[in-house]
Protein backbone atom coordinates (compact mmCIF):
# COMPACT_ATOMS: atom_id res chain seq x y z
CA MET A 1 118.28 81.40 133.97
CA ARG A 2 121.97 81.77 134.68
CA MET A 3 124.36 82.34 131.81
CA ARG A 4 127.70 80.65 131.84
CA LEU A 5 130.57 82.57 130.25
CA ASN A 6 133.60 81.02 128.66
CA LYS A 7 137.07 82.26 129.49
CA THR A 8 137.30 84.50 126.40
CA SER A 9 134.03 86.23 127.24
CA GLN A 10 135.16 86.73 130.83
CA LEU A 11 138.38 88.33 129.66
CA MET A 12 136.50 90.62 127.28
CA LEU A 13 134.14 91.73 130.01
CA ALA A 14 137.02 92.32 132.39
CA ALA A 15 138.80 94.42 129.79
CA ALA A 16 135.66 96.44 129.12
CA ALA A 17 135.17 97.00 132.85
CA SER A 18 138.78 98.09 133.19
CA LEU A 19 138.40 100.60 130.35
CA LEU A 20 135.20 101.96 131.89
CA ALA A 21 136.86 102.29 135.27
CA ALA A 22 139.89 103.94 133.72
CA GLY A 23 137.68 106.42 131.87
CA THR A 24 135.77 107.20 135.05
CA LEU A 25 138.98 107.67 136.99
CA THR A 26 140.41 109.89 134.28
CA ALA A 27 137.29 112.07 134.25
CA CYS A 28 137.37 112.28 138.03
CA ASN A 29 141.11 112.81 138.14
CA GLN A 30 140.92 115.77 135.78
CA ILE A 31 139.04 117.60 138.51
CA THR A 32 140.48 116.17 141.71
CA GLY A 33 143.92 115.03 140.63
CA THR A 34 147.01 116.57 139.15
CA LEU A 35 145.73 116.65 135.56
CA THR A 36 143.56 119.69 136.24
CA VAL A 37 145.97 122.56 136.38
CA ASP A 38 143.60 125.56 136.26
CA PHE A 39 139.97 126.57 136.39
CA VAL A 40 138.86 129.20 133.86
CA TYR A 41 135.77 131.36 134.42
CA VAL A 42 133.99 132.70 131.34
CA THR A 43 131.08 135.10 131.77
CA SER A 44 128.25 135.11 129.22
CA ALA A 45 126.07 138.15 128.81
CA VAL A 46 122.91 136.51 127.48
CA ALA A 47 120.33 136.33 130.23
CA ALA A 48 119.29 132.95 131.60
CA GLY A 49 116.91 131.72 134.27
CA PRO A 50 114.00 133.37 136.10
CA ASP A 51 116.12 136.27 137.35
CA SER A 52 117.50 137.04 133.86
CA TYR A 53 121.00 136.60 135.27
CA GLY A 54 123.98 135.98 133.08
CA ASN A 55 126.13 132.87 133.32
CA VAL A 56 129.62 131.91 134.40
CA ASP A 57 130.95 128.86 132.59
CA VAL A 58 133.66 127.01 134.53
CA PHE A 59 136.26 125.15 132.48
CA GLU A 60 139.06 122.93 133.75
CA ILE A 61 142.36 122.81 131.85
CA ASN A 62 144.13 119.49 131.44
CA SER A 63 147.84 119.92 132.19
CA GLU A 64 148.97 117.44 129.55
CA SER A 65 146.84 118.33 126.52
CA GLY A 66 145.49 121.79 127.35
CA HIS A 67 142.03 120.39 126.72
CA MET A 68 139.33 122.55 128.32
CA ARG A 69 135.98 121.20 129.41
CA GLN A 70 133.22 122.47 131.65
CA ILE A 71 132.98 120.99 135.11
CA PRO A 72 129.81 118.90 135.71
CA THR A 73 127.91 121.63 137.62
CA SER A 74 128.73 124.45 135.17
CA PRO A 75 127.38 127.03 134.39
CA PHE A 76 126.64 129.13 137.47
CA PRO A 77 124.42 132.27 137.67
CA SER A 78 126.49 135.45 137.57
CA GLY A 79 124.39 137.03 140.31
CA GLY A 80 123.15 139.82 138.06
CA ARG A 81 122.30 140.95 134.55
CA ASN A 82 124.81 141.38 131.75
CA PRO A 83 128.13 140.30 133.32
CA VAL A 84 130.89 142.08 131.40
CA ALA A 85 134.07 141.84 133.48
CA GLU A 86 135.69 139.77 136.21
CA ALA A 87 138.81 139.63 138.35
CA VAL A 88 140.40 137.20 140.79
CA ALA A 89 141.58 137.96 144.32
CA SER A 90 145.35 137.95 144.81
CA ASP A 91 145.19 134.66 146.72
CA GLN A 92 143.12 133.12 143.86
CA THR A 93 140.37 131.91 146.19
CA ASN A 94 137.68 134.43 145.22
CA LEU A 95 136.19 135.66 141.96
CA TYR A 96 134.59 139.08 141.44
CA VAL A 97 132.00 139.41 138.66
CA VAL A 98 130.76 142.77 137.37
CA ASN A 99 127.10 142.83 136.30
CA GLN A 100 126.70 145.95 134.22
CA ASP A 101 122.92 146.31 134.08
CA ASP A 102 122.59 146.00 137.87
CA ASN A 103 125.60 148.19 138.76
CA THR A 104 126.89 145.39 140.99
CA ILE A 105 130.00 143.40 141.82
CA VAL A 106 129.36 139.90 143.13
CA GLN A 107 131.97 138.09 145.25
CA PHE A 108 132.17 134.31 144.78
CA VAL A 109 134.24 131.93 146.87
CA ILE A 110 135.97 129.39 144.64
CA GLY A 111 135.75 125.81 145.87
CA ASN A 112 138.66 123.39 145.54
CA ASP A 113 136.70 121.71 142.74
CA GLY A 114 136.25 124.99 140.86
CA LYS A 115 132.63 125.54 141.88
CA LEU A 116 131.39 129.04 142.66
CA TYR A 117 129.65 130.03 145.89
CA PRO A 118 128.11 133.55 145.98
CA GLN A 119 128.94 135.50 149.12
CA ASN A 120 128.37 139.25 148.94
CA THR A 121 127.09 141.80 146.44
CA VAL A 122 127.99 145.50 146.39
CA ASN A 123 126.81 148.36 144.21
CA THR A 124 129.37 150.35 142.29
CA PRO A 125 129.49 154.09 143.02
CA GLY A 126 128.90 154.99 139.37
CA ILE A 127 126.57 153.85 136.59
CA PHE A 128 127.14 150.87 134.26
CA PRO A 129 130.46 149.37 135.41
CA LEU A 130 132.51 147.99 132.53
CA ALA A 131 135.97 147.03 133.77
CA VAL A 132 137.56 145.72 136.97
CA ALA A 133 141.05 144.92 138.24
CA VAL A 134 142.64 143.69 141.47
CA GLY A 135 145.97 145.00 142.72
CA GLY A 136 147.16 143.62 146.06
CA LYS A 137 144.34 144.15 148.56
CA THR A 138 142.42 146.68 146.47
CA LEU A 139 139.75 146.19 143.82
CA PHE A 140 139.31 148.92 141.20
CA VAL A 141 136.25 149.40 139.01
CA ALA A 142 135.59 151.77 136.12
CA ASP A 143 132.04 153.04 135.62
CA THR A 144 130.70 154.35 132.32
CA TYR A 145 129.06 157.37 133.99
CA GLN A 146 129.41 159.25 137.24
CA PRO A 147 126.51 158.94 139.70
CA LEU A 148 125.06 162.37 138.93
CA PRO A 149 121.30 163.16 138.90
CA THR A 150 121.68 164.72 135.46
CA CYS A 151 123.55 161.75 134.01
CA SER A 152 121.89 158.94 132.05
CA PRO A 153 122.23 157.12 128.72
CA ALA A 154 119.97 159.78 127.25
CA ALA A 155 122.17 162.54 128.74
CA PRO A 156 125.60 160.93 129.21
CA CYS A 157 128.41 162.36 131.32
CA ALA A 158 132.06 161.47 131.87
CA GLY A 159 132.95 158.20 133.57
CA SER A 160 134.65 157.51 136.89
CA ILE A 161 136.84 155.11 138.84
CA ALA A 162 136.34 153.72 142.35
CA ALA A 163 138.46 151.62 144.68
CA TYR A 164 137.42 149.09 147.34
CA PRO A 165 139.63 147.67 150.08
CA ILE A 166 139.59 143.87 150.05
CA ASN A 167 138.96 142.52 153.53
CA GLN A 168 140.66 139.52 155.13
CA ASP A 169 137.85 137.23 153.92
CA ASP A 170 138.12 138.75 150.42
CA SER A 171 134.82 140.61 150.77
CA LEU A 172 134.80 144.23 149.61
CA GLY A 173 134.90 147.03 152.14
CA ILE A 174 133.56 150.57 151.87
CA PRO A 175 134.90 152.35 148.76
CA PHE A 176 137.70 154.87 149.17
CA THR A 177 136.54 158.48 149.65
CA ASN A 178 137.58 161.27 147.30
CA SER A 179 137.87 164.11 149.80
CA SER A 180 137.98 166.77 147.08
CA ILE A 181 134.35 166.08 146.12
CA SER A 182 133.21 164.18 149.26
CA ALA A 183 132.23 161.17 147.19
CA GLN A 184 133.36 157.57 146.72
CA TYR A 185 134.65 157.95 143.18
CA TRP A 186 137.10 159.91 141.03
CA PRO A 187 135.64 161.49 137.86
CA LEU A 188 137.55 161.09 134.61
CA ILE A 189 137.61 164.73 133.64
CA LEU A 190 139.85 166.42 131.10
CA PRO A 191 140.99 169.58 132.95
CA ALA A 192 141.53 171.56 129.74
CA SER A 193 138.05 170.64 128.48
CA PRO A 194 135.91 169.65 131.47
CA ALA A 195 132.74 169.43 129.38
CA ASP A 196 134.16 166.68 127.15
CA LEU A 197 132.49 163.28 127.38
CA VAL A 198 135.29 160.92 128.48
CA THR A 199 134.34 157.23 128.65
CA PRO A 200 136.55 154.62 130.35
CA THR A 201 137.29 151.50 128.32
CA ALA A 202 139.71 149.37 130.37
CA ILE A 203 141.63 149.29 133.65
CA ALA A 204 144.95 147.81 134.81
CA ALA A 205 146.36 147.62 138.33
CA MET A 206 150.08 147.48 138.95
CA PRO A 207 151.37 144.33 140.70
CA GLY A 208 150.92 144.86 144.43
CA GLY A 209 148.37 147.60 143.85
CA SER A 210 150.68 150.63 144.18
CA SER A 211 149.01 152.36 141.23
CA VAL A 212 146.22 151.93 138.73
CA PHE A 213 145.71 153.12 135.16
CA VAL A 214 142.43 153.69 133.31
CA ALA A 215 142.22 153.82 129.52
CA ALA A 216 139.56 156.19 128.23
CA TYR A 217 138.12 157.62 125.02
CA ASP A 218 137.15 161.28 124.62
CA THR A 219 134.07 161.04 122.42
CA THR A 220 133.98 164.82 122.06
CA SER A 221 137.44 165.25 120.56
CA ASN A 222 137.97 161.69 119.26
CA ALA A 223 141.15 161.25 121.28
CA GLY A 224 142.53 158.61 123.64
CA TYR A 225 143.90 159.03 127.16
CA VAL A 226 145.20 157.04 130.11
CA TYR A 227 144.53 158.30 133.63
CA GLY A 228 147.02 157.31 136.32
CA PHE A 229 146.42 157.14 140.07
CA ALA A 230 148.78 156.38 142.93
CA VAL A 231 147.14 154.21 145.59
CA GLY A 232 147.52 155.36 149.17
CA SER A 233 145.89 154.44 152.45
CA GLY A 234 142.22 154.68 151.65
CA THR A 235 142.59 157.12 148.78
CA LEU A 236 143.72 157.63 145.18
CA THR A 237 146.03 160.45 144.11
CA PRO A 238 145.80 161.48 140.44
CA MET A 239 149.15 161.47 138.66
CA ASN A 240 150.40 164.40 136.64
CA GLY A 241 148.14 166.81 138.52
CA GLY A 242 145.07 165.03 137.23
CA VAL A 243 146.00 165.58 133.58
CA PRO A 244 145.67 162.30 131.65
CA PHE A 245 148.36 161.03 129.30
CA PRO A 246 147.49 161.26 125.57
CA VAL A 247 147.38 157.71 124.20
CA GLY A 248 146.36 157.05 120.59
CA ILE A 249 142.86 157.50 119.26
CA HIS A 250 140.58 154.98 120.96
CA PRO A 251 142.25 152.89 123.69
CA SER A 252 140.40 149.60 124.01
CA ALA A 253 142.53 147.42 126.30
CA ILE A 254 145.38 147.86 128.75
CA ALA A 255 147.81 145.52 130.52
CA ALA A 256 150.90 145.78 132.72
CA ASP A 257 153.91 143.49 132.71
CA PRO A 258 154.43 141.38 135.87
CA THR A 259 157.14 143.69 137.23
CA GLY A 260 155.05 146.85 136.86
CA THR A 261 157.77 148.37 134.69
CA TYR A 262 155.85 148.57 131.43
CA LEU A 263 152.28 149.30 130.36
CA TYR A 264 150.72 148.31 127.04
CA VAL A 265 147.65 149.90 125.48
CA ALA A 266 145.67 148.54 122.53
CA ASP A 267 144.27 151.25 120.26
CA SER A 268 141.23 150.07 118.28
CA GLY A 269 141.06 153.40 116.46
CA ALA A 270 144.52 153.07 114.91
CA ASN A 271 144.86 149.24 115.14
CA THR A 272 148.13 149.53 117.05
CA ILE A 273 149.70 148.63 120.39
CA LEU A 274 151.44 151.40 122.32
CA SER A 275 154.17 150.70 124.89
CA TYR A 276 155.15 152.82 127.90
CA SER A 277 157.55 152.68 130.81
CA VAL A 278 155.91 153.31 134.17
CA GLY A 279 157.45 155.75 136.63
CA SER A 280 156.36 157.58 139.76
CA ASN A 281 155.21 160.48 137.61
CA GLY A 282 153.29 158.36 135.14
CA LEU A 283 153.96 157.09 131.62
CA THR A 284 156.82 157.60 129.18
CA PRO A 285 156.48 156.29 125.60
CA LEU A 286 159.08 153.71 124.64
CA ALA A 287 161.30 154.27 121.61
CA GLY A 288 160.16 152.82 118.32
CA GLY A 289 156.58 154.00 118.48
CA PRO A 290 153.41 151.90 118.22
CA VAL A 291 153.50 148.42 116.69
CA THR A 292 150.87 147.16 114.27
CA ALA A 293 148.02 145.05 115.58
CA GLY A 294 145.13 143.46 113.71
CA ASN A 295 141.76 145.09 113.12
CA LYS A 296 139.97 146.24 116.27
CA PRO A 297 142.29 144.95 119.01
CA ASP A 298 139.99 144.41 122.00
CA ALA A 299 142.08 142.58 124.61
CA ILE A 300 145.71 142.14 125.61
CA VAL A 301 147.52 139.84 128.04
CA ILE A 302 151.15 139.55 129.17
CA ASP A 303 152.58 136.21 130.25
CA ALA A 304 153.71 135.76 133.86
CA LYS A 305 157.41 136.09 132.99
CA GLY A 306 156.95 139.26 130.95
CA ARG A 307 158.43 137.69 127.82
CA TYR A 308 155.38 137.63 125.55
CA ALA A 309 152.26 139.66 124.82
CA TYR A 310 149.15 138.44 123.03
CA VAL A 311 146.47 140.66 121.51
CA ALA A 312 142.95 139.58 120.52
CA ASN A 313 141.75 141.30 117.34
CA ALA A 314 137.95 141.24 117.29
CA GLN A 315 137.37 142.12 113.65
CA ASP A 316 140.00 139.68 112.33
CA SER A 317 138.96 136.85 114.68
CA ASN A 318 142.58 136.16 115.51
CA ILE A 319 145.26 136.82 118.07
CA VAL A 320 148.75 138.17 117.43
CA GLY A 321 151.72 137.21 119.58
CA TYR A 322 154.69 139.49 120.34
CA SER A 323 157.99 138.92 122.08
CA ILE A 324 159.08 141.50 124.66
CA ALA A 325 162.63 142.81 125.10
CA ASN A 326 163.20 145.81 127.36
CA GLY A 327 159.53 146.63 126.97
CA VAL A 328 159.63 146.69 123.17
CA LEU A 329 157.24 144.44 121.24
CA THR A 330 158.28 142.38 118.22
CA ARG A 331 155.64 140.49 116.27
CA ILE A 332 155.82 136.66 116.34
CA SER A 333 152.79 135.48 114.37
CA SER A 334 149.00 135.49 114.17
CA TYR A 335 146.61 132.65 115.08
CA ALA A 336 142.96 132.11 114.14
CA VAL A 337 140.35 131.93 116.91
CA GLY A 338 136.55 131.95 117.06
CA THR A 339 134.44 134.83 115.81
CA GLN A 340 135.03 138.19 117.55
CA PRO A 341 137.42 137.49 120.44
CA VAL A 342 136.81 140.05 123.18
CA ALA A 343 138.82 138.64 126.11
CA ILE A 344 142.07 136.74 126.52
CA GLY A 345 143.90 135.07 129.39
CA ILE A 346 146.84 132.84 130.32
CA ASP A 347 146.76 130.06 132.90
CA PRO A 348 148.33 131.17 136.21
CA ALA A 349 149.63 127.75 137.26
CA MET A 350 151.98 126.83 134.43
CA ASN A 351 152.03 130.03 132.34
CA GLN A 352 151.58 127.70 129.38
CA PHE A 353 147.95 127.68 128.21
CA LEU A 354 146.21 130.62 126.59
CA PHE A 355 142.49 131.05 125.91
CA THR A 356 140.11 133.56 124.29
CA ALA A 357 136.40 134.23 124.77
CA ASN A 358 134.80 134.63 121.34
CA PHE A 359 131.67 136.78 121.61
CA LEU A 360 129.95 135.90 118.34
CA GLY A 361 131.49 132.43 118.12
CA ASN A 362 129.85 131.46 121.44
CA ASN A 363 132.96 129.50 122.29
CA VAL A 364 136.42 129.52 123.83
CA THR A 365 139.61 128.90 121.85
CA GLY A 366 142.56 127.26 123.63
CA PHE A 367 146.28 127.23 122.82
CA GLN A 368 149.48 125.85 124.28
CA MET A 369 152.35 128.33 124.38
CA ASN A 370 155.92 127.37 123.52
CA PRO A 371 158.03 129.01 126.29
CA ALA A 372 161.10 129.09 124.05
CA ASP A 373 159.69 131.37 121.36
CA GLY A 374 156.12 132.29 122.30
CA THR A 375 154.51 130.47 119.38
CA LEU A 376 151.10 128.88 119.92
CA LEU A 377 149.65 125.47 119.13
CA ASN A 378 145.93 124.70 119.32
CA SER A 379 144.93 122.77 122.44
CA GLN A 380 143.29 119.39 122.05
CA PHE A 381 139.75 119.63 120.56
CA SER A 382 139.75 123.45 120.59
CA PRO A 383 137.47 125.44 120.33
CA TYR A 384 135.14 124.63 123.24
CA ALA A 385 131.44 125.47 123.40
CA ALA A 386 130.37 128.20 125.84
CA ASN A 387 127.10 129.90 126.61
CA ALA A 388 125.96 132.60 124.20
CA ASN A 389 128.02 135.77 123.88
CA PRO A 390 130.97 135.20 126.26
CA THR A 391 132.37 138.52 127.47
CA ALA A 392 135.27 137.98 129.90
CA VAL A 393 137.76 135.41 131.19
CA ALA A 394 139.59 134.87 134.48
CA ALA A 395 141.55 131.90 135.80
CA VAL A 396 142.89 130.42 139.02
CA SER A 397 145.44 127.71 139.76
CA HIS A 398 143.98 124.41 140.92
CA VAL A 399 146.75 124.21 143.50
CA ALA A 400 145.82 127.63 144.92
CA VAL A 401 142.16 126.77 145.52
CA ALA A 402 143.01 123.26 146.74
CA LYS A 403 144.97 124.78 149.65
CA GLN A 404 141.85 126.34 151.16
């Protein structure tokens, strides 16, 4: 039986069809059109799948509202167990994920729709990698322990740093060789007390990759340090004769400004942020001393123009914003996020949207940054559900990957 529709019914159906089509186009356009400004990659440490691999959630950021949502094929396997850190290649077309329990770094090509395609996997020279950074065409990784036969969680030793050249296709080459010990790593030793157990906590590469700094905690003496290395052709040269710079009590995060002029270190032992100028000989503390952070600052990020810094305080479940003038930090305000933020990032396309990975909240909090004063406003429908126990964040510009 055929049903005849009156004019009103036809109009209503047409309107409904138009709304459905518009919704479909909007959903599609957020990925393929101009509304998607960035893709954000959030690793989750909880194992999933037959290989007990971790996950990488892929979110797209809407350029108008800051709304973050996972792309249809998300999440992706991290390629290993317990992913804890990640970094993006300088051209923003590849993602590197550190899987701590497997001692591996997995290279993923990023598709123009944000999808991840695993390419190559390398083992880190040391044991239990925990931090990674990219500077120019070099990838740096910090390992919890050196690769010594006598070293294990039951009998820990000092940590180490290694450096990989990034090839033309963004794969990782053979690690740099430390000629002084004929090995592919540099131990984080305190020359005055070589038996001390020094554990790396974070790593930051200078823009362009001319130098790299590693924050570390001396568990023997309960003191903090930052090790500096100049990057040469296939090698690292320790700054200050290999003597690290004393930095607070327990450095927990580290970040450089976009010019490479200043370095900022979060100290979870003293709940402060320390500021330094960076020179050829290393670090010089800035006048005014440390500024107050929240409880247990675990992550720090500097915006692309070097005007603002944002610190995630894990115990307070908030972030604190600071303005920057000549390297000096001045507090703006604090903002609530999900439970235990452990990672923080800013979108690379517009330098406008900020996001945190909240480890115990199992979610991601999003904000929109006011470029005039650095204040933050919650993004639409924030927070956003993630897989259990998110550990790290990284982001790429949609425009950058679309040019592939």
